[in-house]
Amino acid sequence: MTLSVRLSVEEEALLEKTARRIGRSKSELARQAVYELCQKLIQAERSPYSIGEDLFGAGKLARL
């Protein structure tokens, strides 16, 4: 899948500099960044309560 993203001059320079330093392509770095950010945001949505909500039963008690 192709995706176009507009970067500021500063963002482009940082991406280029980082890619050169670690010997990876800009596309590879962008894919990794998108993946890691999305994973982090998804995990942030999962609070300890939401993970164990079905075990707590608080929803049932609140309806009484």
C-alpha atoms as a PDB file:
ATOM      1  CA  MET A   1       0.000   0.000   0.000  1.00  0.00           C
ATOM      2  CA  THR A   2       1.303   3.420  -0.874  1.00  0.00           C
ATOM      3  CA  LEU A   3       0.856   6.349   1.479  1.00  0.00           C
ATOM      4  CA  SER A   4       2.030   9.903   0.963  1.00  0.00           C
ATOM      5  CA  VAL A   5       2.976  11.998   3.971  1.00  0.00           C
ATOM      6  CA  ARG A   6       3.993  15.641   3.999  1.00  0.00           C
ATOM      7  CA  LEU A   7       6.890  16.369   6.318  1.00  0.00           C
ATOM      8  CA  SER A   8       8.210  19.709   7.411  1.00  0.00           C
ATOM      9  CA  VAL A   9      11.740  20.621   6.374  1.00  0.00           C
ATOM     10  CA  GLU A  10      12.918  19.834   9.912  1.00  0.00           C
ATOM     11  CA  GLU A  11      11.167  16.442   9.990  1.00  0.00           C
ATOM     12  CA  GLU A  12      12.594  15.484   6.591  1.00  0.00           C
ATOM     13  CA  ALA A  13      16.100  16.484   7.680  1.00  0.00           C
ATOM     14  CA  LEU A  14      15.806  14.483  10.901  1.00  0.00           C
ATOM     15  CA  LEU A  15      14.513  11.433   9.033  1.00  0.00           C
ATOM     16  CA  GLU A  16      17.292  11.682   6.448  1.00  0.00           C
ATOM     17  CA  LYS A  17      19.991  12.135   9.108  1.00  0.00           C
ATOM     18  CA  THR A  18      18.725   9.207  11.164  1.00  0.00           C
ATOM     19  CA  ALA A  19      18.417   6.934   8.136  1.00  0.00           C
ATOM     20  CA  ARG A  20      22.002   7.680   7.097  1.00  0.00           C
ATOM     21  CA  ARG A  21      23.358   7.160  10.612  1.00  0.00           C
ATOM     22  CA  ILE A  22      21.783   3.763  11.131  1.00  0.00           C
ATOM     23  CA  GLY A  23      21.982   2.584   7.527  1.00  0.00           C
ATOM     24  CA  ARG A  24      18.288   2.093   6.917  1.00  0.00           C
ATOM     25  CA  SER A  25      15.922   3.613   4.388  1.00  0.00           C
ATOM     26  CA  LYS A  26      13.613   6.492   5.205  1.00  0.00           C
ATOM     27  CA  SER A  27      10.655   4.311   4.264  1.00  0.00           C
ATOM     28  CA  GLU A  28      11.765   1.597   6.650  1.00  0.00           C
ATOM     29  CA  LEU A  29      12.094   4.090   9.491  1.00  0.00           C
ATOM     30  CA  ALA A  30       8.698   5.631   8.717  1.00  0.00           C
ATOM     31  CA  ARG A  31       7.015   2.196   8.689  1.00  0.00           C
ATOM     32  CA  GLN A  32       8.620   1.309  12.008  1.00  0.00           C
ATOM     33  CA  ALA A  33       7.613   4.646  13.547  1.00  0.00           C
ATOM     34  CA  VAL A  34       3.991   4.256  12.447  1.00  0.00           C
ATOM     35  CA  TYR A  35       3.853   0.699  13.758  1.00  0.00           C
ATOM     36  CA  GLU A  36       5.401   1.538  17.136  1.00  0.00           C
ATOM     37  CA  LEU A  37       3.240   4.632  17.666  1.00  0.00           C
ATOM     38  CA  CYS A  38       0.041   2.774  16.790  1.00  0.00           C
ATOM     39  CA  GLN A  39       0.942  -0.092  19.131  1.00  0.00           C
ATOM     40  CA  LYS A  40       1.673   2.394  21.924  1.00  0.00           C
ATOM     41  CA  LEU A  41      -1.631   4.227  21.412  1.00  0.00           C
ATOM     42  CA  ILE A  42      -3.614   0.986  21.334  1.00  0.00           C
ATOM     43  CA  GLN A  43      -1.963  -0.191  24.547  1.00  0.00           C
ATOM     44  CA  ALA A  44      -2.704   3.156  26.217  1.00  0.00           C
ATOM     45  CA  GLU A  45      -6.420   2.560  25.586  1.00  0.00           C
ATOM     46  CA  ARG A  46      -6.256  -0.639  27.590  1.00  0.00           C
ATOM     47  CA  SER A  47      -6.311   0.419  31.225  1.00  0.00           C
ATOM     48  CA  PRO A  48      -5.840  -2.160  33.972  1.00  0.00           C
ATOM     49  CA  TYR A  49      -9.566  -1.865  34.711  1.00  0.00           C
ATOM     50  CA  SER A  50     -10.631  -2.415  31.104  1.00  0.00           C
ATOM     51  CA  ILE A  51      -8.394  -5.479  30.855  1.00  0.00           C
ATOM     52  CA  GLY A  52      -9.995  -7.141  33.908  1.00  0.00           C
ATOM     53  CA  GLU A  53     -13.443  -5.541  33.726  1.00  0.00           C
ATOM     54  CA  ASP A  54     -15.210  -8.848  33.111  1.00  0.00           C
ATOM     55  CA  LEU A  55     -13.623 -10.244  36.287  1.00  0.00           C
ATOM     56  CA  PHE A  56     -14.597  -7.350  38.580  1.00  0.00           C
ATOM     57  CA  GLY A  57     -18.379  -7.488  38.219  1.00  0.00           C
ATOM     58  CA  ALA A  58     -18.725  -3.789  39.074  1.00  0.00           C
ATOM     59  CA  GLY A  59     -21.074  -3.284  36.154  1.00  0.00           C
ATOM     60  CA  LYS A  60     -23.522  -5.815  37.586  1.00  0.00           C
ATOM     61  CA  LEU A  61     -23.473  -4.256  41.047  1.00  0.00           C
ATOM     62  CA  ALA A  62     -24.032  -0.792  39.685  1.00  0.00           C
ATOM     63  CA  ARG A  63     -27.288  -1.916  38.031  1.00  0.00           C
ATOM     64  CA  LEU A  64     -28.852  -3.142  41.320  1.00  0.00           C
END
